[in-house]
Amino acid sequence: MTEHNPIDEISEIEARIEELAEVAERCRKIILFSKAAIAGGVALLLVTMLGLFGPNQVAALGSIAAVLGGIVSLGSNVSTLQQTKAAITAAEALRSDLISRIDLRVVGDSPMRLV
């Protein structure tokens, strides 16, 4: 029967935290893009409604699609980001618990040898 090495477990947890941090950063970028799509869609819809492009139904439908797509993407990625943050917090707590279980010694307590 093999014994689990806490240092290996800590390394695995740290790798998982890094992966989760990358997912969180990707979500933040998509959230920013979604907000831009919503703002652009609203602006295009207002311009279309004011008649600055003339009677253009394609622009109106495109702007509505951009707004709806941005809203859906925003909502999905906000919830994914919240779940990812919760997973990072849990992994960090587990890592801290494992580190506290290791019997660490202070380097200053060991006698120094000169070579």
PDB file of N, CA and C in Angstrom:
ATOM      1  N   MET A   1       0.847  -1.171   0.000  1.00  0.00           N
ATOM      2  CA  MET A   1       0.000   0.000   0.000  1.00  0.00           C
ATOM      3  C   MET A   1       0.899   1.243   0.000  1.00  0.00           C
ATOM      4  N   THR A   2       0.655   2.159  -0.911  1.00  0.00           N
ATOM      5  CA  THR A   2       1.471   3.357  -1.013  1.00  0.00           C
ATOM      6  C   THR A   2       0.878   4.465  -0.160  1.00  0.00           C
ATOM      7  N   GLU A   3       1.761   5.242   0.419  1.00  0.00           N
ATOM      8  CA  GLU A   3       1.348   6.345   1.274  1.00  0.00           C
ATOM      9  C   GLU A   3       1.318   7.624   0.445  1.00  0.00           C
ATOM     10  N   HIS A   4       0.288   8.442   0.655  1.00  0.00           N
ATOM     11  CA  HIS A   4       0.176   9.692  -0.095  1.00  0.00           C
ATOM     12  C   HIS A   4       1.198  10.691   0.417  1.00  0.00           C
ATOM     13  N   ASN A   5       1.898  11.301  -0.494  1.00  0.00           N
ATOM     14  CA  ASN A   5       2.865  12.325  -0.148  1.00  0.00           C
ATOM     15  C   ASN A   5       2.159  13.679  -0.190  1.00  0.00           C
ATOM     16  N   PRO A   6       2.103  14.395   0.935  1.00  0.00           N
ATOM     17  CA  PRO A   6       1.383  15.669   0.953  1.00  0.00           C
ATOM     18  C   PRO A   6       1.994  16.701   0.003  1.00  0.00           C
ATOM     19  N   ILE A   7       3.281  16.605  -0.234  1.00  0.00           N
ATOM     20  CA  ILE A   7       3.926  17.561  -1.137  1.00  0.00           C
ATOM     21  C   ILE A   7       3.419  17.352  -2.559  1.00  0.00           C
ATOM     22  N   ASP A   8       3.247  16.085  -2.958  1.00  0.00           N
ATOM     23  CA  ASP A   8       2.694  15.800  -4.284  1.00  0.00           C
ATOM     24  C   ASP A   8       1.247  16.288  -4.395  1.00  0.00           C
ATOM     25  N   GLU A   9       0.489  16.081  -3.339  1.00  0.00           N
ATOM     26  CA  GLU A   9      -0.896  16.556  -3.334  1.00  0.00           C
ATOM     27  C   GLU A   9      -0.955  18.074  -3.436  1.00  0.00           C
ATOM     28  N   ILE A  10      -0.065  18.751  -2.726  1.00  0.00           N
ATOM     29  CA  ILE A  10      -0.018  20.212  -2.769  1.00  0.00           C
ATOM     30  C   ILE A  10       0.336  20.676  -4.176  1.00  0.00           C
ATOM     31  N   SER A  11       1.280  19.996  -4.821  1.00  0.00           N
ATOM     32  CA  SER A  11       1.658  20.347  -6.193  1.00  0.00           C
ATOM     33  C   SER A  11       0.488  20.169  -7.148  1.00  0.00           C
ATOM     34  N   GLU A  12      -0.273  19.088  -6.972  1.00  0.00           N
ATOM     35  CA  GLU A  12      -1.448  18.861  -7.816  1.00  0.00           C
ATOM     36  C   GLU A  12      -2.501  19.943  -7.592  1.00  0.00           C
ATOM     37  N   ILE A  13      -2.702  20.327  -6.341  1.00  0.00           N
ATOM     38  CA  ILE A  13      -3.667  21.370  -6.023  1.00  0.00           C
ATOM     39  C   ILE A  13      -3.232  22.699  -6.627  1.00  0.00           C
ATOM     40  N   GLU A  14      -1.933  23.008  -6.548  1.00  0.00           N
ATOM     41  CA  GLU A  14      -1.441  24.256  -7.127  1.00  0.00           C
ATOM     42  C   GLU A  14      -1.612  24.269  -8.640  1.00  0.00           C
ATOM     43  N   ALA A  15      -1.403  23.121  -9.282  1.00  0.00           N
ATOM     44  CA  ALA A  15      -1.627  23.038 -10.727  1.00  0.00           C
ATOM     45  C   ALA A  15      -3.105  23.271 -11.042  1.00  0.00           C
ATOM     46  N   ARG A  16      -3.970  22.708 -10.226  1.00  0.00           N
ATOM     47  CA  ARG A  16      -5.412  22.893 -10.412  1.00  0.00           C
ATOM     48  C   ARG A  16      -5.804  24.358 -10.209  1.00  0.00           C
ATOM     49  N   ILE A  17      -5.199  25.014  -9.223  1.00  0.00           N
ATOM     50  CA  ILE A  17      -5.478  26.431  -8.980  1.00  0.00           C
ATOM     51  C   ILE A  17      -5.047  27.265 -10.188  1.00  0.00           C
ATOM     52  N   GLU A  18      -3.908  26.936 -10.781  1.00  0.00           N
ATOM     53  CA  GLU A  18      -3.450  27.656 -11.972  1.00  0.00           C
ATOM     54  C   GLU A  18      -4.420  27.464 -13.138  1.00  0.00           C
ATOM     55  N   GLU A  19      -4.918  26.237 -13.319  1.00  0.00           N
ATOM     56  CA  GLU A  19      -5.899  25.973 -14.379  1.00  0.00           C
ATOM     57  C   GLU A  19      -7.170  26.789 -14.146  1.00  0.00           C
ATOM     58  N   LEU A  20      -7.627  26.808 -12.906  1.00  0.00           N
ATOM     59  CA  LEU A  20      -8.837  27.562 -12.573  1.00  0.00           C
ATOM     60  C   LEU A  20      -8.624  29.060 -12.780  1.00  0.00           C
ATOM     61  N   ALA A  21      -7.421  29.543 -12.475  1.00  0.00           N
ATOM     62  CA  ALA A  21      -7.124  30.964 -12.683  1.00  0.00           C
ATOM     63  C   ALA A  21      -7.179  31.309 -14.171  1.00  0.00           C
ATOM     64  N   GLU A  22      -6.715  30.388 -15.023  1.00  0.00           N
ATOM     65  CA  GLU A  22      -6.798  30.608 -16.468  1.00  0.00           C
ATOM     66  C   GLU A  22      -8.251  30.635 -16.932  1.00  0.00           C
ATOM     67  N   VAL A  23      -9.073  29.749 -16.382  1.00  0.00           N
ATOM     68  CA  VAL A  23     -10.498  29.735 -16.726  1.00  0.00           C
ATOM     69  C   VAL A  23     -11.148  31.048 -16.290  1.00  0.00           C
ATOM     70  N   ALA A  24     -10.808  31.517 -15.103  1.00  0.00           N
ATOM     71  CA  ALA A  24     -11.376  32.767 -14.598  1.00  0.00           C
ATOM     72  C   ALA A  24     -10.974  33.940 -15.490  1.00  0.00           C
ATOM     73  N   GLU A  25      -9.727  33.966 -15.925  1.00  0.00           N
ATOM     74  CA  GLU A  25      -9.273  35.051 -16.795  1.00  0.00           C
ATOM     75  C   GLU A  25      -9.979  35.001 -18.143  1.00  0.00           C
ATOM     76  N   ARG A  26     -10.181  33.807 -18.674  1.00  0.00           N
ATOM     77  CA  ARG A  26     -10.909  33.657 -19.940  1.00  0.00           C
ATOM     78  C   ARG A  26     -12.352  34.149 -19.781  1.00  0.00           C
ATOM     79  N   CYS A  27     -12.973  33.830 -18.651  1.00  0.00           N
ATOM     80  CA  CYS A  27     -14.342  34.304 -18.389  1.00  0.00           C
ATOM     81  C   CYS A  27     -14.389  35.818 -18.322  1.00  0.00           C
ATOM     82  N   ARG A  28     -13.392  36.427 -17.677  1.00  0.00           N
ATOM     83  CA  ARG A  28     -13.361  37.892 -17.584  1.00  0.00           C
ATOM     84  C   ARG A  28     -13.265  38.526 -18.978  1.00  0.00           C
ATOM     85  N   LYS A  29     -12.450  37.932 -19.846  1.00  0.00           N
ATOM     86  CA  LYS A  29     -12.321  38.463 -21.202  1.00  0.00           C
ATOM     87  C   LYS A  29     -13.630  38.332 -21.972  1.00  0.00           C
ATOM     88  N   ILE A  30     -14.300  37.199 -21.829  1.00  0.00           N
ATOM     89  CA  ILE A  30     -15.578  36.994 -22.526  1.00  0.00           C
ATOM     90  C   ILE A  30     -16.639  37.930 -21.972  1.00  0.00           C
ATOM     91  N   ILE A  31     -16.626  38.166 -20.663  1.00  0.00           N
ATOM     92  CA  ILE A  31     -17.567  39.106 -20.049  1.00  0.00           C
ATOM     93  C   ILE A  31     -17.359  40.500 -20.628  1.00  0.00           C
ATOM     94  N   LEU A  32     -16.111  40.904 -20.771  1.00  0.00           N
ATOM     95  CA  LEU A  32     -15.816  42.212 -21.345  1.00  0.00           C
ATOM     96  C   LEU A  32     -16.310  42.290 -22.791  1.00  0.00           C
ATOM     97  N   PHE A  33     -16.059  41.241 -23.570  1.00  0.00           N
ATOM     98  CA  PHE A  33     -16.526  41.193 -24.953  1.00  0.00           C
ATOM     99  C   PHE A  33     -18.059  41.223 -25.010  1.00  0.00           C
ATOM    100  N   SER A  34     -18.709  40.516 -24.101  1.00  0.00           N
ATOM    101  CA  SER A  34     -20.173  40.492 -24.064  1.00  0.00           C
ATOM    102  C   SER A  34     -20.740  41.873 -23.773  1.00  0.00           C
ATOM    103  N   LYS A  35     -20.125  42.575 -22.837  1.00  0.00           N
ATOM    104  CA  LYS A  35     -20.580  43.936 -22.524  1.00  0.00           C
ATOM    105  C   LYS A  35     -20.401  44.848 -23.730  1.00  0.00           C
ATOM    106  N   ALA A  36     -19.290  44.666 -24.454  1.00  0.00           N
ATOM    107  CA  ALA A  36     -19.058  45.470 -25.653  1.00  0.00           C
ATOM    108  C   ALA A  36     -20.101  45.143 -26.724  1.00  0.00           C
ATOM    109  N   ALA A  37     -20.454  43.860 -26.865  1.00  0.00           N
ATOM    110  CA  ALA A  37     -21.464  43.461 -27.850  1.00  0.00           C
ATOM    111  C   ALA A  37     -22.828  44.061 -27.495  1.00  0.00           C
ATOM    112  N   ILE A  38     -23.157  44.069 -26.220  1.00  0.00           N
ATOM    113  CA  ILE A  38     -24.430  44.665 -25.781  1.00  0.00           C
ATOM    114  C   ILE A  38     -24.432  46.162 -26.086  1.00  0.00           C
ATOM    115  N   ALA A  39     -23.346  46.844 -25.728  1.00  0.00           N
ATOM    116  CA  ALA A  39     -23.275  48.288 -25.958  1.00  0.00           C
ATOM    117  C   ALA A  39     -23.311  48.596 -27.454  1.00  0.00           C
ATOM    118  N   GLY A  40     -22.575  47.845 -28.245  1.00  0.00           N
ATOM    119  CA  GLY A  40     -22.575  48.061 -29.684  1.00  0.00           C
ATOM    120  C   GLY A  40     -23.936  47.796 -30.301  1.00  0.00           C
ATOM    121  N   GLY A  41     -24.595  46.736 -29.851  1.00  0.00           N
ATOM    122  CA  GLY A  41     -25.928  46.424 -30.354  1.00  0.00           C
ATOM    123  C   GLY A  41     -26.940  47.496 -30.018  1.00  0.00           C
ATOM    124  N   VAL A  42     -26.874  48.002 -28.800  1.00  0.00           N
ATOM    125  CA  VAL A  42     -27.794  49.071 -28.394  1.00  0.00           C
ATOM    126  C   VAL A  42     -27.525  50.332 -29.212  1.00  0.00           C
ATOM    127  N   ALA A  43     -26.250  50.665 -29.398  1.00  0.00           N
ATOM    128  CA  ALA A  43     -25.906  51.857 -30.181  1.00  0.00           C
ATOM    129  C   ALA A  43     -26.390  51.720 -31.622  1.00  0.00           C
ATOM    130  N   LEU A  44     -26.169  50.550 -32.218  1.00  0.00           N
ATOM    131  CA  LEU A  44     -26.608  50.327 -33.597  1.00  0.00           C
ATOM    132  C   LEU A  44     -28.133  50.379 -33.695  1.00  0.00           C
ATOM    133  N   LEU A  45     -28.817  49.837 -32.705  1.00  0.00           N
ATOM    134  CA  LEU A  45     -30.279  49.879 -32.712  1.00  0.00           C
ATOM    135  C   LEU A  45     -30.790  51.319 -32.621  1.00  0.00           C
ATOM    136  N   LEU A  46     -30.159  52.127 -31.770  1.00  0.00           N
ATOM    137  CA  LEU A  46     -30.565  53.534 -31.655  1.00  0.00           C
ATOM    138  C   LEU A  46     -30.317  54.284 -32.960  1.00  0.00           C
ATOM    139  N   VAL A  47     -29.170  54.034 -33.565  1.00  0.00           N
ATOM    140  CA  VAL A  47     -28.854  54.696 -34.834  1.00  0.00           C
ATOM    141  C   VAL A  47     -29.855  54.277 -35.900  1.00  0.00           C
ATOM    142  N   THR A  48     -30.201  52.998 -35.910  1.00  0.00           N
ATOM    143  CA  THR A  48     -31.170  52.500 -36.881  1.00  0.00           C
ATOM    144  C   THR A  48     -32.552  53.092 -36.624  1.00  0.00           C
ATOM    145  N   MET A  49     -32.933  53.172 -35.355  1.00  0.00           N
ATOM    146  CA  MET A  49     -34.253  53.722 -35.024  1.00  0.00           C
ATOM    147  C   MET A  49     -34.350  55.211 -35.357  1.00  0.00           C
ATOM    148  N   LEU A  50     -33.236  55.924 -35.249  1.00  0.00           N
ATOM    149  CA  LEU A  50     -33.242  57.346 -35.576  1.00  0.00           C
ATOM    150  C   LEU A  50     -33.204  57.579 -37.086  1.00  0.00           C
ATOM    151  N   GLY A  51     -32.989  56.520 -37.837  1.00  0.00           N
ATOM    152  CA  GLY A  51     -33.031  56.616 -39.289  1.00  0.00           C
ATOM    153  C   GLY A  51     -31.758  57.125 -39.917  1.00  0.00           C
ATOM    154  N   LEU A  52     -30.639  57.075 -39.196  1.00  0.00           N
ATOM    155  CA  LEU A  52     -29.385  57.562 -39.745  1.00  0.00           C
ATOM    156  C   LEU A  52     -28.851  56.656 -40.855  1.00  0.00           C
ATOM    157  N   PHE A  53     -29.230  55.398 -40.864  1.00  0.00           N
ATOM    158  CA  PHE A  53     -28.848  54.470 -41.932  1.00  0.00           C
ATOM    159  C   PHE A  53     -29.961  54.331 -42.965  1.00  0.00           C
ATOM    160  N   GLY A  54     -31.033  55.000 -42.755  1.00  0.00           N
ATOM    161  CA  GLY A  54     -32.200  54.803 -43.604  1.00  0.00           C
ATOM    162  C   GLY A  54     -32.987  53.614 -43.077  1.00  0.00           C
ATOM    163  N   PRO A  55     -34.032  53.216 -43.765  1.00  0.00           N
ATOM    164  CA  PRO A  55     -34.813  52.052 -43.303  1.00  0.00           C
ATOM    165  C   PRO A  55     -34.043  50.758 -43.569  1.00  0.00           C
ATOM    166  N   ASN A  56     -33.316  50.295 -42.584  1.00  0.00           N
ATOM    167  CA  ASN A  56     -32.469  49.113 -42.749  1.00  0.00           C
ATOM    168  C   ASN A  56     -32.866  48.051 -41.713  1.00  0.00           C
ATOM    169  N   GLN A  57     -33.656  47.091 -42.143  1.00  0.00           N
ATOM    170  CA  GLN A  57     -34.128  46.050 -41.237  1.00  0.00           C
ATOM    171  C   GLN A  57     -33.002  45.092 -40.841  1.00  0.00           C
ATOM    172  N   VAL A  58     -32.047  44.901 -41.727  1.00  0.00           N
ATOM    173  CA  VAL A  58     -30.934  43.990 -41.437  1.00  0.00           C
ATOM    174  C   VAL A  58     -30.111  44.524 -40.268  1.00  0.00           C
ATOM    175  N   ALA A  59     -29.843  45.813 -40.263  1.00  0.00           N
ATOM    176  CA  ALA A  59     -29.091  46.420 -39.158  1.00  0.00           C
ATOM    177  C   ALA A  59     -29.874  46.322 -37.857  1.00  0.00           C
ATOM    178  N   ALA A  60     -31.190  46.518 -37.935  1.00  0.00           N
ATOM    179  CA  ALA A  60     -32.011  46.423 -36.725  1.00  0.00           C
ATOM    180  C   ALA A  60     -31.993  45.003 -36.169  1.00  0.00           C
ATOM    181  N   LEU A  61     -32.164  44.020 -37.050  1.00  0.00           N
ATOM    182  CA  LEU A  61     -32.132  42.627 -36.587  1.00  0.00           C
ATOM    183  C   LEU A  61     -30.747  42.240 -36.070  1.00  0.00           C
ATOM    184  N   GLY A  62     -29.709  42.721 -36.739  1.00  0.00           N
ATOM    185  CA  GLY A  62     -28.345  42.437 -36.281  1.00  0.00           C
ATOM    186  C   GLY A  62     -28.066  43.032 -34.918  1.00  0.00           C
ATOM    187  N   SER A  63     -28.557  44.234 -34.700  1.00  0.00           N
ATOM    188  CA  SER A  63     -28.333  44.873 -33.398  1.00  0.00           C
ATOM    189  C   SER A  63     -29.086  44.144 -32.288  1.00  0.00           C
ATOM    190  N   ILE A  64     -30.289  43.700 -32.588  1.00  0.00           N
ATOM    191  CA  ILE A  64     -31.058  42.937 -31.593  1.00  0.00           C
ATOM    192  C   ILE A  64     -30.362  41.615 -31.292  1.00  0.00           C
ATOM    193  N   ALA A  65     -29.850  40.970 -32.333  1.00  0.00           N
ATOM    194  CA  ALA A  65     -29.120  39.703 -32.136  1.00  0.00           C
ATOM    195  C   ALA A  65     -27.862  39.927 -31.299  1.00  0.00           C
ATOM    196  N   ALA A  66     -27.154  41.033 -31.548  1.00  0.00           N
ATOM    197  CA  ALA A  66     -25.944  41.329 -30.771  1.00  0.00           C
ATOM    198  C   ALA A  66     -26.276  41.557 -29.303  1.00  0.00           C
ATOM    199  N   VAL A  67     -27.359  42.281 -29.051  1.00  0.00           N
ATOM    200  CA  VAL A  67     -27.768  42.537 -27.659  1.00  0.00           C
ATOM    201  C   VAL A  67     -28.159  41.238 -26.969  1.00  0.00           C
ATOM    202  N   LEU A  68     -28.983  40.439 -27.615  1.00  0.00           N
ATOM    203  CA  LEU A  68     -29.422  39.181 -26.988  1.00  0.00           C
ATOM    204  C   LEU A  68     -28.255  38.210 -26.803  1.00  0.00           C
ATOM    205  N   GLY A  69     -27.406  38.101 -27.815  1.00  0.00           N
ATOM    206  CA  GLY A  69     -26.242  37.223 -27.695  1.00  0.00           C
ATOM    207  C   GLY A  69     -25.305  37.675 -26.592  1.00  0.00           C
ATOM    208  N   GLY A  70     -25.117  38.989 -26.486  1.00  0.00           N
ATOM    209  CA  GLY A  70     -24.267  39.527 -25.422  1.00  0.00           C
ATOM    210  C   GLY A  70     -24.831  39.259 -24.040  1.00  0.00           C
ATOM    211  N   ILE A  71     -26.147  39.374 -23.910  1.00  0.00           N
ATOM    212  CA  ILE A  71     -26.793  39.120 -22.612  1.00  0.00           C
ATOM    213  C   ILE A  71     -26.634  37.652 -22.214  1.00  0.00           C
ATOM    214  N   VAL A  72     -26.859  36.749 -23.162  1.00  0.00           N
ATOM    215  CA  VAL A  72     -26.736  35.321 -22.866  1.00  0.00           C
ATOM    216  C   VAL A  72     -25.296  34.975 -22.498  1.00  0.00           C
ATOM    217  N   SER A  73     -24.351  35.471 -23.277  1.00  0.00           N
ATOM    218  CA  SER A  73     -22.934  35.194 -23.007  1.00  0.00           C
ATOM    219  C   SER A  73     -22.499  35.791 -21.673  1.00  0.00           C
ATOM    220  N   LEU A  74     -22.965  36.995 -21.391  1.00  0.00           N
ATOM    221  CA  LEU A  74     -22.630  37.645 -20.127  1.00  0.00           C
ATOM    222  C   LEU A  74     -23.130  36.833 -18.935  1.00  0.00           C
ATOM    223  N   GLY A  75     -24.392  36.439 -18.988  1.00  0.00           N
ATOM    224  CA  GLY A  75     -24.963  35.673 -17.872  1.00  0.00           C
ATOM    225  C   GLY A  75     -24.265  34.345 -17.662  1.00  0.00           C
ATOM    226  N   SER A  76     -23.982  33.664 -18.743  1.00  0.00           N
ATOM    227  CA  SER A  76     -23.325  32.362 -18.646  1.00  0.00           C
ATOM    228  C   SER A  76     -21.933  32.488 -18.052  1.00  0.00           C
ATOM    229  N   ASN A  77     -21.182  33.465 -18.499  1.00  0.00           N
ATOM    230  CA  ASN A  77     -19.809  33.594 -18.031  1.00  0.00           C
ATOM    231  C   ASN A  77     -19.709  34.195 -16.635  1.00  0.00           C
ATOM    232  N   VAL A  78     -20.671  35.000 -16.245  1.00  0.00           N
ATOM    233  CA  VAL A  78     -20.674  35.516 -14.870  1.00  0.00           C
ATOM    234  C   VAL A  78     -20.883  34.359 -13.892  1.00  0.00           C
ATOM    235  N   SER A  79     -21.820  33.460 -14.214  1.00  0.00           N
ATOM    236  CA  SER A  79     -22.048  32.328 -13.309  1.00  0.00           C
ATOM    237  C   SER A  79     -20.860  31.371 -13.320  1.00  0.00           C
ATOM    238  N   THR A  80     -20.241  31.167 -14.482  1.00  0.00           N
ATOM    239  CA  THR A  80     -19.046  30.313 -14.540  1.00  0.00           C
ATOM    240  C   THR A  80     -17.914  30.933 -13.734  1.00  0.00           C
ATOM    241  N   LEU A  81     -17.758  32.245 -13.825  1.00  0.00           N
ATOM    242  CA  LEU A  81     -16.711  32.924 -13.057  1.00  0.00           C
ATOM    243  C   LEU A  81     -16.950  32.780 -11.557  1.00  0.00           C
ATOM    244  N   GLN A  82     -18.190  32.893 -11.120  1.00  0.00           N
ATOM    245  CA  GLN A  82     -18.502  32.731  -9.695  1.00  0.00           C
ATOM    246  C   GLN A  82     -18.174  31.313  -9.226  1.00  0.00           C
ATOM    247  N   GLN A  83     -18.537  30.313 -10.027  1.00  0.00           N
ATOM    248  CA  GLN A  83     -18.240  28.925  -9.675  1.00  0.00           C
ATOM    249  C   GLN A  83     -16.734  28.681  -9.649  1.00  0.00           C
ATOM    250  N   THR A  84     -16.020  29.286 -10.592  1.00  0.00           N
ATOM    251  CA  THR A  84     -14.570  29.115 -10.643  1.00  0.00           C
ATOM    252  C   THR A  84     -13.912  29.755  -9.439  1.00  0.00           C
ATOM    253  N   LYS A  85     -14.374  30.940  -9.052  1.00  0.00           N
ATOM    254  CA  LYS A  85     -13.827  31.592  -7.856  1.00  0.00           C
ATOM    255  C   LYS A  85     -14.069  30.743  -6.609  1.00  0.00           C
ATOM    256  N   ALA A  86     -15.246  30.135  -6.513  1.00  0.00           N
ATOM    257  CA  ALA A  86     -15.549  29.267  -5.367  1.00  0.00           C
ATOM    258  C   ALA A  86     -14.627  28.043  -5.366  1.00  0.00           C
ATOM    259  N   ALA A  87     -14.373  27.480  -6.545  1.00  0.00           N
ATOM    260  CA  ALA A  87     -13.481  26.321  -6.636  1.00  0.00           C
ATOM    261  C   ALA A  87     -12.051  26.705  -6.270  1.00  0.00           C
ATOM    262  N   ILE A  88     -11.614  27.893  -6.664  1.00  0.00           N
ATOM    263  CA  ILE A  88     -10.273  28.356  -6.300  1.00  0.00           C
ATOM    264  C   ILE A  88     -10.171  28.528  -4.792  1.00  0.00           C
ATOM    265  N   THR A  89     -11.188  29.111  -4.183  1.00  0.00           N
ATOM    266  CA  THR A  89     -11.185  29.304  -2.729  1.00  0.00           C
ATOM    267  C   THR A  89     -11.122  27.968  -2.004  1.00  0.00           C
ATOM    268  N   ALA A  90     -11.891  26.986  -2.476  1.00  0.00           N
ATOM    269  CA  ALA A  90     -11.876  25.662  -1.850  1.00  0.00           C
ATOM    270  C   ALA A  90     -10.522  24.993  -2.018  1.00  0.00           C
ATOM    271  N   ALA A  91      -9.934  25.112  -3.200  1.00  0.00           N
ATOM    272  CA  ALA A  91      -8.626  24.493  -3.438  1.00  0.00           C
ATOM    273  C   ALA A  91      -7.548  25.160  -2.592  1.00  0.00           C
ATOM    274  N   GLU A  92      -7.621  26.477  -2.442  1.00  0.00           N
ATOM    275  CA  GLU A  92      -6.645  27.176  -1.607  1.00  0.00           C
ATOM    276  C   GLU A  92      -6.784  26.776  -0.141  1.00  0.00           C
ATOM    277  N   ALA A  93      -8.020  26.568   0.310  1.00  0.00           N
ATOM    278  CA  ALA A  93      -8.239  26.127   1.694  1.00  0.00           C
ATOM    279  C   ALA A  93      -7.677  24.725   1.903  1.00  0.00           C
ATOM    280  N   LEU A  94      -7.884  23.847   0.933  1.00  0.00           N
ATOM    281  CA  LEU A  94      -7.335  22.490   1.022  1.00  0.00           C
ATOM    282  C   LEU A  94      -5.823  22.521   1.015  1.00  0.00           C
ATOM    283  N   ARG A  95      -5.244  23.364   0.161  1.00  0.00           N
ATOM    284  CA  ARG A  95      -3.786  23.496   0.107  1.00  0.00           C
ATOM    285  C   ARG A  95      -3.245  23.988   1.443  1.00  0.00           C
ATOM    286  N   SER A  96      -3.893  24.989   2.038  1.00  0.00           N
ATOM    287  CA  SER A  96      -3.453  25.509   3.343  1.00  0.00           C
ATOM    288  C   SER A  96      -3.544  24.437   4.422  1.00  0.00           C
ATOM    289  N   ASP A  97      -4.610  23.637   4.363  1.00  0.00           N
ATOM    290  CA  ASP A  97      -4.775  22.555   5.332  1.00  0.00           C
ATOM    291  C   ASP A  97      -3.654  21.527   5.198  1.00  0.00           C
ATOM    292  N   LEU A  98      -3.330  21.163   3.969  1.00  0.00           N
ATOM    293  CA  LEU A  98      -2.252  20.189   3.752  1.00  0.00           C
ATOM    294  C   LEU A  98      -0.907  20.754   4.192  1.00  0.00           C
ATOM    295  N   ILE A  99      -0.675  22.026   3.920  1.00  0.00           N
ATOM    296  CA  ILE A  99       0.591  22.641   4.336  1.00  0.00           C
ATOM    297  C   ILE A  99       0.689  22.678   5.853  1.00  0.00           C
ATOM    298  N   SER A 100      -0.418  22.941   6.528  1.00  0.00           N
ATOM    299  CA  SER A 100      -0.383  23.004   7.996  1.00  0.00           C
ATOM    300  C   SER A 100      -0.132  21.634   8.623  1.00  0.00           C
ATOM    301  N   ARG A 101      -0.444  20.567   7.892  1.00  0.00           N
ATOM    302  CA  ARG A 101      -0.215  19.212   8.412  1.00  0.00           C
ATOM    303  C   ARG A 101       1.241  18.772   8.292  1.00  0.00           C
ATOM    304  N   ILE A 102       1.992  19.422   7.428  1.00  0.00           N
ATOM    305  CA  ILE A 102       3.392  19.047   7.236  1.00  0.00           C
ATOM    306  C   ILE A 102       4.198  19.549   8.427  1.00  0.00           C
ATOM    307  N   ASP A 103       5.077  18.706   8.921  1.00  0.00           N
ATOM    308  CA  ASP A 103       5.927  19.078  10.047  1.00  0.00           C
ATOM    309  C   ASP A 103       7.136  19.822   9.493  1.00  0.00           C
ATOM    310  N   LEU A 104       6.991  21.127   9.434  1.00  0.00           N
ATOM    311  CA  LEU A 104       8.077  21.956   8.912  1.00  0.00           C
ATOM    312  C   LEU A 104       9.003  22.348  10.048  1.00  0.00           C
ATOM    313  N   ARG A 105      10.259  22.483   9.718  1.00  0.00           N
ATOM    314  CA  ARG A 105      11.202  22.941  10.733  1.00  0.00           C
ATOM    315  C   ARG A 105      11.842  24.225  10.259  1.00  0.00           C
ATOM    316  N   VAL A 106      12.181  25.070  11.198  1.00  0.00           N
ATOM    317  CA  VAL A 106      12.792  26.343  10.884  1.00  0.00           C
ATOM    318  C   VAL A 106      14.265  26.095  10.590  1.00  0.00           C
ATOM    319  N   VAL A 107      14.729  26.676   9.525  1.00  0.00           N
ATOM    320  CA  VAL A 107      16.128  26.458   9.119  1.00  0.00           C
ATOM    321  C   VAL A 107      17.079  26.995  10.168  1.00  0.00           C
ATOM    322  N   GLY A 108      16.723  28.046  10.853  1.00  0.00           N
ATOM    323  CA  GLY A 108      17.593  28.632  11.879  1.00  0.00           C
ATOM    324  C   GLY A 108      17.815  27.706  13.056  1.00  0.00           C
ATOM    325  N   ASP A 109      16.973  26.699  13.261  1.00  0.00           N
ATOM    326  CA  ASP A 109      17.113  25.776  14.382  1.00  0.00           C
ATOM    327  C   ASP A 109      18.187  24.724  14.152  1.00  0.00           C
ATOM    328  N   SER A 110      18.581  24.523  12.929  1.00  0.00           N
ATOM    329  CA  SER A 110      19.584  23.472  12.654  1.00  0.00           C
ATOM    330  C   SER A 110      20.986  24.061  12.813  1.00  0.00           C
ATOM    331  N   PRO A 111      21.897  23.235  13.309  1.00  0.00           N
ATOM    332  CA  PRO A 111      23.274  23.728  13.487  1.00  0.00           C
ATOM    333  C   PRO A 111      23.926  23.939  12.108  1.00  0.00           C
ATOM    334  N   MET A 112      24.765  24.962  12.054  1.00  0.00           N
ATOM    335  CA  MET A 112      25.435  25.252  10.797  1.00  0.00           C
ATOM    336  C   MET A 112      26.786  24.555  10.772  1.00  0.00           C
ATOM    337  N   ARG A 113      27.078  23.978   9.620  1.00  0.00           N
ATOM    338  CA  ARG A 113      28.380  23.339   9.454  1.00  0.00           C
ATOM    339  C   ARG A 113      29.137  24.082   8.373  1.00  0.00           C
ATOM    340  N   LEU A 114      30.366  24.331   8.644  1.00  0.00           N
ATOM    341  CA  LEU A 114      31.214  24.954   7.663  1.00  0.00           C
ATOM    342  C   LEU A 114      31.994  23.886   6.929  1.00  0.00           C
ATOM    343  N   VAL A 115      32.080  24.031   5.643  1.00  0.00           N
ATOM    344  CA  VAL A 115      32.770  23.020   4.846  1.00  0.00           C
ATOM    345  C   VAL A 115      34.142  23.507   4.500  1.00  0.00           C
TER     346      VAL A 115
END
